[in-house]
Amino acid sequence: MLRILGGRTKLCDSVTRRDLMQVGTLSLFSGMSLPRMLRAADAAPNRNARAKSVILFNLLGGPSHIDMFDLKPNAPKEIRGEFQPISTSVPGVQICEHLPNVAKLMHKATLIRTITHNYNSHDPLAIMTGFTGGNAQLPAQPTDPPDIGAICQYLERGPRELPGAVCMPCYPGWGQNGYRRGGPYGGFLGAQYDPLFSVCDPKFSREPKKKNYDPVMPLGEPQMPALDALPDMTANRLEKRRSILQQLDHRFEQIHAGPAVERLDKFQQRAFSMLCSSKTRDAFDLTRESGKTRDRYGRNLFGSSLLVARRLVERGVPYVSVHQEIFKHYGHAYDMHANNFGMLKDMNLPLIDQVLPALVQDLEDRGLLEQTLVILMGEMGRTPKVNGNAGRDHWPQCGFSLLIGGGVKSGHVHGATDKHAAWPERHPVPVANFVATIYELLGIDPLMTVPNRQGRPVHIAQGGDPVFEVID
């Protein structure tokens, strides 16, 4: 076994191809093995790319559009719910009273109020691929279409020493006994186009008062799995994480200088370069951020994940998704069949009202907002009518997406719903069109095709057309 730290095998020129292949099969990208290479694609020419990177904050469970961004104060009580609308920085546009900080930045955003589809599942597959067919009750399948991050990797977007896509704080479904929800995968293109999945070990400050519907904020940070994945590491003998990184960099540089690397094919070489590079590991090291910045995002798992997301796009990673994961009985994120208003008021809306303005302002201060598309949405909306448990049920027929930066219009609202926010009344946006819009902003032709497992061409946006009305 090749030892990376404190090992017996000589490095540099004495490293064998077999040793390198042992390193190359480390599970750096959770759920698959290296080499994790992006294959050369017959890509369409790079179009007018307005965005270099995308950060998706997926509100897993299905956020209630009618209680957040499409309030209906004149509807009957059983429809309008408990919250009141407030004015925003866009004249005539109102959102929920529990999002006062988000209200102040609406002049920078495009709000789509009419995202619609029929995929009644908590999998983010539909909003990440535009696909709404198949069995919505199945976990991620190898026959699923690839998501936007997988296509970015397929086209070799971003720096070669960094992953083209990252998913945090874990794969969707990890917090519910490891059920892999469809969405952020390479699908029929192959697992080599999966994102880098971070890992996490969430802690909770208390036990919930009421099982399932008493939300408790998860604490902790997303972690890159590389350090733990390396075999025979003597990291336990090292006192400081920084010394671990320094030793890794030193050993990797020695290995990389050896002639055995030159005998690997170009895909394996790129995988090895990504493993050797400190840039990805550094992006996850939040000790490099000031305490003020940490506090601005919030010292919880999702605030930390979005801060890492900013660090990743700052280094050129083209696609980062952060999913508000459901962790067993510690609240159900946005799947609020009961206590909808309590869960929104007590945890979910204050969380958004902190992390979203923090991310947007941070990107803007660093000159990154114009080239970074920030997306806030969930996989569906909720029923207009409040049920007997003070909750709202699944409603994929209508939902929202809030887009900021990356080439979208500022202070714009697209689409309108009926008087109960049940159905799009003007300018409906099917998820295939939404995904096509993201590709258009990234400068990727939405009509581009990739081969499925049978070799047949499949449109990456499932035949959707971009919504040019939201593009600046």
Protein backbone atom coordinates (compact mmCIF):
# COMPACT_ATOMS: atom_id res chain seq x y z
CA MET A 1 0.00 0.00 0.00
CA LEU A 2 1.34 3.43 -0.92
CA ARG A 3 1.77 5.56 2.18
CA ILE A 4 1.21 9.27 1.65
CA LEU A 5 2.61 10.43 4.99
CA GLY A 6 5.35 8.76 6.97
CA GLY A 7 5.43 5.94 4.45
CA ARG A 8 8.03 3.35 3.54
CA THR A 9 7.60 3.42 -0.22
CA LYS A 10 10.02 5.77 -1.92
CA LEU A 11 8.41 8.56 -3.85
CA CYS A 12 9.65 10.62 -6.82
CA ASP A 13 11.24 8.51 -9.56
CA SER A 14 10.85 5.25 -7.70
CA VAL A 15 7.05 5.48 -7.67
CA THR A 16 5.53 2.79 -9.85
CA ARG A 17 2.48 2.97 -12.11
CA ARG A 18 0.83 0.46 -9.77
CA ASP A 19 1.38 2.83 -6.83
CA LEU A 20 -0.11 5.68 -8.81
CA MET A 21 -3.12 3.61 -9.75
CA GLN A 22 -3.67 2.85 -6.05
CA VAL A 23 -3.77 6.58 -5.42
CA GLY A 24 -5.92 7.01 -8.51
CA THR A 25 -8.61 4.73 -7.13
CA LEU A 26 -9.04 6.61 -3.86
CA SER A 27 -12.62 7.61 -3.19
CA LEU A 28 -11.96 11.33 -3.37
CA PHE A 29 -15.33 11.97 -4.94
CA SER A 30 -17.72 10.23 -2.55
CA GLY A 31 -19.61 7.44 -4.20
CA MET A 32 -17.09 6.72 -6.95
CA SER A 33 -13.38 6.21 -7.54
CA LEU A 34 -10.66 8.22 -9.20
CA PRO A 35 -9.72 8.79 -11.95
CA ARG A 36 -12.67 11.08 -12.21
CA MET A 37 -11.98 12.62 -15.58
CA LEU A 38 -13.89 14.92 -17.79
CA ARG A 39 -13.86 13.46 -21.28
CA ALA A 40 -13.37 15.60 -24.33
CA ALA A 41 -16.76 16.60 -25.68
CA ASP A 42 -17.99 17.60 -29.09
CA ALA A 43 -19.15 20.82 -27.52
CA ALA A 44 -20.91 23.66 -29.24
CA PRO A 45 -18.82 26.83 -29.50
CA ASN A 46 -18.72 28.91 -26.34
CA ARG A 47 -21.64 31.29 -26.67
CA ASN A 48 -22.02 34.64 -25.02
CA ALA A 49 -21.48 33.44 -21.47
CA ARG A 50 -22.86 35.92 -18.96
CA ALA A 51 -22.10 33.72 -15.96
CA LYS A 52 -18.92 31.82 -15.23
CA SER A 53 -20.32 30.07 -12.17
CA VAL A 54 -23.61 29.06 -10.59
CA ILE A 55 -24.46 28.67 -6.90
CA LEU A 56 -27.76 26.86 -6.35
CA PHE A 57 -29.25 26.93 -2.85
CA ASN A 58 -31.88 24.20 -3.00
CA LEU A 59 -34.55 24.47 -0.31
CA LEU A 60 -35.12 20.75 -0.12
CA GLY A 61 -38.68 19.70 0.66
CA GLY A 62 -40.61 22.26 -1.36
CA PRO A 63 -40.75 25.87 -0.06
CA SER A 64 -44.16 27.48 0.26
CA HIS A 65 -44.22 30.08 -2.51
CA ILE A 66 -47.47 31.59 -1.22
CA ASP A 67 -45.88 32.27 2.19
CA MET A 68 -42.55 33.58 0.87
CA PHE A 69 -42.53 35.31 -2.52
CA ASP A 70 -46.12 35.29 -3.78
CA LEU A 71 -48.35 36.25 -0.86
CA LYS A 72 -52.08 36.69 -1.47
CA PRO A 73 -53.28 38.94 1.40
CA ASN A 74 -56.79 39.29 -0.05
CA ALA A 75 -57.41 35.55 -0.34
CA PRO A 76 -59.52 33.67 2.25
CA LYS A 77 -57.75 32.90 5.53
CA GLU A 78 -57.29 29.22 4.70
CA ILE A 79 -55.38 30.32 1.58
CA ARG A 80 -53.45 33.42 2.62
CA GLY A 81 -52.01 31.91 5.81
CA GLU A 82 -50.51 33.76 8.77
CA PHE A 83 -47.89 36.06 7.25
CA GLN A 84 -48.18 39.60 5.96
CA PRO A 85 -46.44 41.05 2.89
CA ILE A 86 -43.91 43.88 3.12
CA SER A 87 -42.60 46.25 0.48
CA THR A 88 -39.24 45.63 -1.15
CA SER A 89 -36.61 47.75 -2.88
CA VAL A 90 -38.61 47.26 -6.08
CA PRO A 91 -41.71 49.49 -6.15
CA GLY A 92 -44.91 47.47 -6.15
CA VAL A 93 -43.19 44.15 -5.35
CA GLN A 94 -43.91 42.60 -1.96
CA ILE A 95 -42.58 39.50 -0.20
CA CYS A 96 -42.94 37.91 3.25
CA GLU A 97 -42.57 40.05 6.37
CA HIS A 98 -40.02 37.57 7.76
CA LEU A 99 -37.57 38.31 4.92
CA PRO A 100 -36.73 41.97 5.61
CA ASN A 101 -33.10 41.72 4.50
CA VAL A 102 -33.98 39.89 1.31
CA ALA A 103 -36.58 42.61 0.65
CA LYS A 104 -33.74 45.17 0.61
CA LEU A 105 -31.89 43.38 -2.21
CA MET A 106 -34.80 42.63 -4.53
CA HIS A 107 -33.66 45.44 -6.86
CA LYS A 108 -30.69 43.16 -7.68
CA ALA A 109 -32.83 40.10 -8.40
CA THR A 110 -35.16 38.46 -10.87
CA LEU A 111 -38.11 36.69 -9.26
CA ILE A 112 -39.83 33.98 -11.28
CA ARG A 113 -43.21 33.22 -9.73
CA THR A 114 -44.36 30.58 -12.19
CA ILE A 115 -41.97 27.60 -12.13
CA THR A 116 -44.17 24.63 -13.02
CA HIS A 117 -43.91 20.87 -13.59
CA ASN A 118 -45.60 17.61 -12.63
CA TYR A 119 -42.74 15.75 -10.92
CA ASN A 120 -44.19 15.21 -7.43
CA SER A 121 -41.02 14.20 -5.61
CA HIS A 122 -38.50 15.72 -3.23
CA ASP A 123 -35.70 14.82 -5.61
CA PRO A 124 -34.10 17.93 -7.14
CA LEU A 125 -33.88 16.01 -10.43
CA ALA A 126 -36.45 18.18 -12.21
CA ILE A 127 -34.94 21.56 -11.35
CA MET A 128 -31.35 20.39 -12.00
CA THR A 129 -31.98 18.61 -15.31
CA GLY A 130 -35.36 19.75 -16.66
CA PHE A 131 -36.48 16.12 -16.72
CA THR A 132 -39.95 15.28 -15.38
CA GLY A 133 -40.53 11.76 -16.68
CA GLY A 134 -39.95 8.37 -15.09
CA ASN A 135 -40.81 7.10 -11.64
CA ALA A 136 -40.56 9.88 -9.08
CA GLN A 137 -40.34 7.40 -6.21
CA LEU A 138 -37.01 5.85 -7.24
CA PRO A 139 -33.60 6.92 -5.91
CA ALA A 140 -31.00 8.28 -8.34
CA GLN A 141 -30.74 5.99 -11.35
CA PRO A 142 -27.87 5.44 -13.80
CA THR A 143 -30.40 6.11 -16.57
CA ASP A 144 -31.23 9.60 -15.23
CA PRO A 145 -30.16 12.56 -17.37
CA PRO A 146 -27.02 14.43 -16.28
CA ASP A 147 -27.46 17.65 -14.33
CA ILE A 148 -25.99 21.05 -15.16
CA GLY A 149 -22.89 20.37 -13.06
CA ALA A 150 -22.25 17.11 -14.92
CA ILE A 151 -22.49 18.92 -18.26
CA CYS A 152 -20.01 21.53 -17.00
CA GLN A 153 -17.61 18.68 -16.23
CA TYR A 154 -18.34 16.96 -19.54
CA LEU A 155 -17.37 20.19 -21.31
CA GLU A 156 -14.29 20.57 -19.11
CA ARG A 157 -15.43 23.90 -17.68
CA GLY A 158 -13.30 25.50 -15.01
CA PRO A 159 -9.64 25.10 -14.01
CA ARG A 160 -8.22 21.66 -14.70
CA GLU A 161 -6.96 21.19 -11.16
CA LEU A 162 -10.41 21.76 -9.64
CA PRO A 163 -13.68 19.84 -9.90
CA GLY A 164 -16.24 21.21 -12.33
CA ALA A 165 -19.08 20.63 -9.86
CA VAL A 166 -19.38 20.42 -6.08
CA CYS A 167 -22.39 19.35 -3.98
CA MET A 168 -22.70 20.30 -0.28
CA PRO A 169 -23.03 19.61 2.59
CA CYS A 170 -23.64 16.01 1.47
CA TYR A 171 -25.52 14.23 -1.27
CA PRO A 172 -29.28 14.91 -1.07
CA GLY A 173 -30.83 12.15 1.00
CA TRP A 174 -27.77 11.39 3.13
CA GLY A 175 -29.53 12.68 6.22
CA GLN A 176 -32.38 10.22 5.70
CA ASN A 177 -30.49 6.95 5.99
CA GLY A 178 -28.49 7.43 2.82
CA TYR A 179 -31.35 7.58 0.31
CA ARG A 180 -29.71 9.06 -2.79
CA ARG A 181 -32.17 11.52 -4.27
CA GLY A 182 -32.00 12.03 -8.01
CA GLY A 183 -30.51 15.23 -9.37
CA PRO A 184 -26.82 16.04 -8.86
CA TYR A 185 -25.27 13.20 -10.84
CA GLY A 186 -23.69 12.31 -14.16
CA GLY A 187 -26.60 9.95 -14.85
CA PHE A 188 -26.32 8.13 -18.14
CA LEU A 189 -23.07 9.94 -18.97
CA GLY A 190 -21.41 8.00 -16.16
CA ALA A 191 -20.35 8.48 -12.55
CA GLN A 192 -17.13 10.15 -13.67
CA TYR A 193 -19.24 13.28 -14.14
CA ASP A 194 -20.74 13.25 -10.64
CA PRO A 195 -19.86 16.28 -8.53
CA LEU A 196 -17.45 16.27 -5.66
CA PHE A 197 -19.74 15.45 -2.74
CA SER A 198 -18.62 16.97 0.52
CA VAL A 199 -19.23 15.12 3.77
CA CYS A 200 -20.58 16.45 7.05
CA ASP A 201 -21.13 15.48 10.66
CA PRO A 202 -23.96 17.73 11.81
CA LYS A 203 -24.39 18.50 15.48
CA PHE A 204 -27.52 19.81 17.13
CA SER A 205 -27.78 22.11 20.11
CA ARG A 206 -30.84 20.38 21.52
CA GLU A 207 -33.34 17.62 20.93
CA PRO A 208 -36.53 18.71 19.15
CA LYS A 209 -39.55 19.41 21.30
CA LYS A 210 -41.88 17.76 18.83
CA LYS A 211 -40.79 15.03 16.48
CA ASN A 212 -40.67 15.88 12.77
CA TYR A 213 -41.96 19.45 12.91
CA ASP A 214 -39.84 21.24 15.48
CA PRO A 215 -36.85 22.45 13.47
CA VAL A 216 -33.38 22.37 15.00
CA MET A 217 -30.55 24.07 13.16
CA PRO A 218 -27.68 21.73 12.19
CA LEU A 219 -24.25 23.03 13.11
CA GLY A 220 -20.89 22.18 11.59
CA GLU A 221 -19.05 22.63 8.31
CA PRO A 222 -18.90 20.72 5.03
CA GLN A 223 -15.67 18.78 4.67
CA MET A 224 -13.76 17.65 1.63
CA PRO A 225 -13.43 13.85 1.81
CA ALA A 226 -9.91 13.72 0.38
CA LEU A 227 -7.95 13.77 3.63
CA ASP A 228 -9.99 11.02 5.25
CA ALA A 229 -9.94 8.96 2.06
CA LEU A 230 -6.17 8.69 1.81
CA PRO A 231 -4.93 5.26 2.93
CA ASP A 232 -2.45 4.71 5.73
CA MET A 233 -2.23 8.38 6.63
CA THR A 234 -0.48 9.19 9.88
CA ALA A 235 -2.58 12.32 10.25
CA ASN A 236 -3.44 11.40 13.82
CA ARG A 237 0.17 12.11 14.75
CA LEU A 238 -0.04 15.64 13.42
CA GLU A 239 -1.32 18.36 15.68
CA LYS A 240 -2.48 20.96 13.20
CA ARG A 241 -4.57 20.67 10.08
CA ARG A 242 -2.34 23.10 8.26
CA SER A 243 0.65 20.83 8.75
CA ILE A 244 -1.39 18.01 7.23
CA LEU A 245 -2.01 20.12 4.15
CA GLN A 246 1.63 21.13 3.95
CA GLN A 247 2.80 17.52 4.14
CA LEU A 248 0.25 16.44 1.57
CA ASP A 249 1.33 19.17 -0.82
CA HIS A 250 4.99 18.22 -0.34
CA ARG A 251 4.38 14.51 -0.97
CA PHE A 252 2.08 15.13 -3.91
CA GLU A 253 4.67 17.40 -5.51
CA GLN A 254 7.26 14.64 -5.16
CA ILE A 255 4.96 12.09 -6.74
CA HIS A 256 3.87 14.43 -9.49
CA ALA A 257 7.49 15.03 -10.47
CA GLY A 258 8.07 11.34 -11.14
CA PRO A 259 8.14 9.87 -14.66
CA ALA A 260 5.44 7.34 -13.78
CA VAL A 261 2.85 10.13 -13.98
CA GLU A 262 3.77 10.72 -17.61
CA ARG A 263 2.75 7.13 -18.42
CA LEU A 264 -0.85 7.77 -17.33
CA ASP A 265 -3.38 8.76 -19.97
CA LYS A 266 -4.58 12.36 -19.98
CA PHE A 267 -7.77 11.62 -18.05
CA GLN A 268 -5.88 9.86 -15.28
CA GLN A 269 -3.34 12.69 -15.25
CA ARG A 270 -6.07 15.23 -14.73
CA ALA A 271 -7.56 13.20 -11.89
CA PHE A 272 -4.15 13.00 -10.31
CA SER A 273 -3.63 16.75 -10.71
CA MET A 274 -6.93 17.40 -8.95
CA LEU A 275 -5.91 15.08 -6.12
CA CYS A 276 -2.54 16.80 -5.79
CA SER A 277 -3.86 20.34 -5.96
CA SER A 278 -4.28 22.22 -2.71
CA LYS A 279 -6.80 24.64 -4.25
CA THR A 280 -9.86 22.50 -3.59
CA ARG A 281 -8.75 21.61 -0.07
CA ASP A 282 -8.01 25.26 0.67
CA ALA A 283 -11.52 26.27 -0.42
CA PHE A 284 -12.96 24.14 2.37
CA ASP A 285 -10.65 25.61 5.01
CA LEU A 286 -12.83 28.21 6.70
CA THR A 287 -10.11 29.05 9.21
CA ARG A 288 -8.84 31.34 6.44
CA GLU A 289 -11.98 33.49 6.79
CA SER A 290 -12.38 36.23 9.37
CA GLY A 291 -14.66 35.77 12.33
CA LYS A 292 -16.75 38.69 11.03
CA THR A 293 -17.36 36.90 7.74
CA ARG A 294 -18.19 33.64 9.50
CA ASP A 295 -20.71 35.45 11.67
CA ARG A 296 -22.23 37.23 8.68
CA TYR A 297 -23.04 33.91 6.98
CA GLY A 298 -23.98 32.18 10.23
CA ARG A 299 -22.01 29.48 12.01
CA ASN A 300 -24.27 26.67 10.98
CA LEU A 301 -24.00 23.93 8.36
CA PHE A 302 -25.81 25.80 5.58
CA GLY A 303 -24.19 29.18 6.20
CA SER A 304 -20.79 27.46 6.20
CA SER A 305 -21.66 25.58 3.01
CA LEU A 306 -22.56 28.79 1.19
CA LEU A 307 -19.34 30.41 2.39
CA VAL A 308 -17.39 27.47 0.97
CA ALA A 309 -19.45 27.89 -2.22
CA ARG A 310 -18.22 31.47 -2.52
CA ARG A 311 -14.64 30.29 -2.00
CA LEU A 312 -15.08 27.66 -4.72
CA VAL A 313 -16.48 30.01 -7.37
CA GLU A 314 -13.77 32.48 -6.44
CA ARG A 315 -11.32 29.79 -7.58
CA GLY A 316 -13.25 29.16 -10.80
CA VAL A 317 -15.49 26.16 -10.01
CA PRO A 318 -18.41 26.53 -12.45
CA TYR A 319 -21.25 24.79 -10.59
CA VAL A 320 -21.91 24.49 -6.85
CA SER A 321 -25.13 23.22 -5.30
CA VAL A 322 -26.00 23.52 -1.62
CA HIS A 323 -29.00 21.51 -0.44
CA GLN A 324 -30.86 22.20 2.81
CA GLU A 325 -30.73 18.57 3.79
CA ILE A 326 -33.28 16.87 6.04
CA PHE A 327 -31.53 15.21 9.00
CA LYS A 328 -33.76 12.47 10.37
CA HIS A 329 -36.19 13.97 12.90
CA TYR A 330 -34.46 17.33 13.28
CA GLY A 331 -37.03 19.32 11.33
CA HIS A 332 -38.15 18.59 7.80
CA ALA A 333 -36.47 21.48 6.02
CA TYR A 334 -39.28 22.63 3.69
CA ASP A 335 -41.47 19.52 3.63
CA MET A 336 -44.00 21.22 5.88
CA HIS A 337 -47.15 19.11 5.98
CA ALA A 338 -47.60 20.40 9.53
CA ASN A 339 -46.48 23.50 11.44
CA ASN A 340 -45.69 25.26 8.16
CA PHE A 341 -45.78 28.73 9.67
CA GLY A 342 -43.85 27.85 12.81
CA MET A 343 -41.06 26.17 10.85
CA LEU A 344 -40.81 29.07 8.44
CA LYS A 345 -40.87 31.75 11.12
CA ASP A 346 -38.62 29.99 13.65
CA MET A 347 -35.86 28.69 11.37
CA ASN A 348 -36.15 28.63 7.60
CA LEU A 349 -36.97 32.25 6.81
CA PRO A 350 -34.45 33.73 9.29
CA LEU A 351 -31.84 31.41 7.79
CA ILE A 352 -32.53 32.63 4.25
CA ASP A 353 -32.68 36.23 5.44
CA GLN A 354 -29.16 35.86 6.80
CA VAL A 355 -27.30 33.68 4.33
CA LEU A 356 -28.65 35.01 1.02
CA PRO A 357 -27.83 38.70 1.64
CA ALA A 358 -24.46 37.64 3.09
CA LEU A 359 -23.59 35.64 -0.03
CA VAL A 360 -24.79 38.32 -2.46
CA GLN A 361 -22.97 41.14 -0.67
CA ASP A 362 -19.79 39.05 -0.35
CA LEU A 363 -19.80 38.24 -4.06
CA GLU A 364 -20.48 41.87 -4.93
CA ASP A 365 -17.70 43.15 -2.67
CA ARG A 366 -15.27 40.79 -4.41
CA GLY A 367 -16.39 41.75 -7.91
CA LEU A 368 -17.84 38.29 -8.51
CA LEU A 369 -21.60 38.89 -8.60
CA GLU A 370 -21.79 39.83 -12.28
CA GLN A 371 -20.18 36.54 -13.24
CA THR A 372 -21.87 34.35 -10.60
CA LEU A 373 -25.51 33.32 -10.85
CA VAL A 374 -27.09 32.76 -7.43
CA ILE A 375 -30.28 30.68 -7.42
CA LEU A 376 -32.68 30.24 -4.51
CA MET A 377 -35.51 27.75 -5.02
CA GLY A 378 -36.86 24.33 -4.13
CA GLU A 379 -38.10 21.36 -6.09
CA MET A 380 -41.78 22.38 -5.85
CA GLY A 381 -44.24 24.76 -4.20
CA ARG A 382 -46.95 24.02 -1.62
CA THR A 383 -50.71 23.77 -1.82
CA PRO A 384 -52.65 27.04 -1.66
CA LYS A 385 -55.00 25.67 0.97
CA VAL A 386 -53.70 25.18 4.51
CA ASN A 387 -54.46 21.68 5.79
CA GLY A 388 -55.79 20.63 9.19
CA ASN A 389 -52.28 20.44 10.69
CA ALA A 390 -51.42 24.05 9.88
CA GLY A 391 -49.31 22.75 7.01
CA ARG A 392 -49.30 22.83 3.25
CA ASP A 393 -48.89 19.78 1.04
CA HIS A 394 -46.98 19.09 -2.18
CA TRP A 395 -47.73 21.32 -5.17
CA PRO A 396 -45.28 21.05 -8.11
CA GLN A 397 -47.75 22.88 -10.35
CA CYS A 398 -46.44 26.25 -9.15
CA GLY A 399 -43.32 27.45 -7.38
CA PHE A 400 -40.71 30.21 -7.43
CA SER A 401 -37.08 30.83 -8.28
CA LEU A 402 -35.07 33.84 -7.15
CA LEU A 403 -32.10 34.65 -9.40
CA ILE A 404 -29.38 37.17 -8.64
CA GLY A 405 -26.30 38.16 -10.64
CA GLY A 406 -24.81 36.19 -13.50
CA GLY A 407 -26.56 38.08 -16.30
CA VAL A 408 -30.18 38.17 -15.13
CA LYS A 409 -32.24 41.33 -15.02
CA SER A 410 -32.30 43.45 -11.88
CA GLY A 411 -35.53 44.31 -10.09
CA HIS A 412 -37.59 42.12 -12.40
CA VAL A 413 -40.60 39.89 -11.71
CA HIS A 414 -41.49 37.29 -14.32
CA GLY A 415 -44.88 35.66 -14.46
CA ALA A 416 -47.99 35.90 -12.31
CA THR A 417 -50.25 33.39 -10.62
CA ASP A 418 -54.00 33.29 -10.08
CA LYS A 419 -55.66 34.81 -7.01
CA HIS A 420 -54.78 31.77 -4.88
CA ALA A 421 -51.22 31.23 -6.19
CA ALA A 422 -52.36 27.84 -7.40
CA TRP A 423 -51.61 28.05 -11.11
CA PRO A 424 -49.47 30.22 -13.38
CA GLU A 425 -51.75 32.76 -14.97
CA ARG A 426 -49.14 34.57 -17.05
CA HIS A 427 -45.79 33.38 -18.43
CA PRO A 428 -45.50 29.85 -16.97
CA VAL A 429 -41.92 28.53 -16.84
CA PRO A 430 -41.62 24.74 -17.23
CA VAL A 431 -38.51 23.35 -15.54
CA ALA A 432 -37.01 22.42 -18.92
CA ASN A 433 -37.19 26.11 -19.88
CA PHE A 434 -35.70 27.09 -16.54
CA VAL A 435 -32.75 24.73 -17.00
CA ALA A 436 -32.32 25.94 -20.59
CA THR A 437 -32.08 29.48 -19.19
CA ILE A 438 -29.24 28.48 -16.88
CA TYR A 439 -27.37 26.89 -19.78
CA GLU A 440 -27.91 30.03 -21.85
CA LEU A 441 -26.47 32.19 -19.07
CA LEU A 442 -23.46 29.87 -18.82
CA GLY A 443 -22.89 30.16 -22.56
CA ILE A 444 -23.79 26.52 -23.20
CA ASP A 445 -26.17 25.83 -26.07
CA PRO A 446 -29.37 24.40 -24.54
CA LEU A 447 -29.94 22.49 -27.79
CA MET A 448 -26.66 20.62 -27.39
CA THR A 449 -27.07 16.85 -27.18
CA VAL A 450 -25.17 14.14 -25.31
CA PRO A 451 -25.39 10.38 -25.92
CA ASN A 452 -27.50 8.28 -23.57
CA ARG A 453 -26.62 4.69 -22.63
CA GLN A 454 -27.92 3.47 -25.97
CA GLY A 455 -25.90 6.09 -27.85
CA ARG A 456 -28.94 8.13 -28.80
CA PRO A 457 -28.64 11.94 -28.64
CA VAL A 458 -30.51 13.63 -25.77
CA HIS A 459 -30.89 17.39 -25.38
CA ILE A 460 -29.19 18.56 -22.22
CA ALA A 461 -32.16 20.84 -21.38
CA GLN A 462 -34.78 18.25 -22.35
CA GLY A 463 -35.86 20.41 -25.29
CA GLY A 464 -36.58 23.51 -23.21
CA ASP A 465 -36.25 27.05 -24.52
CA PRO A 466 -34.46 29.78 -22.55
CA VAL A 467 -36.62 32.43 -20.90
CA PHE A 468 -34.96 35.39 -22.55
CA GLU A 469 -37.27 37.81 -20.74
CA VAL A 470 -35.26 37.30 -17.52
CA ILE A 471 -31.85 37.71 -19.17
CA ASP A 472 -30.29 41.16 -19.16
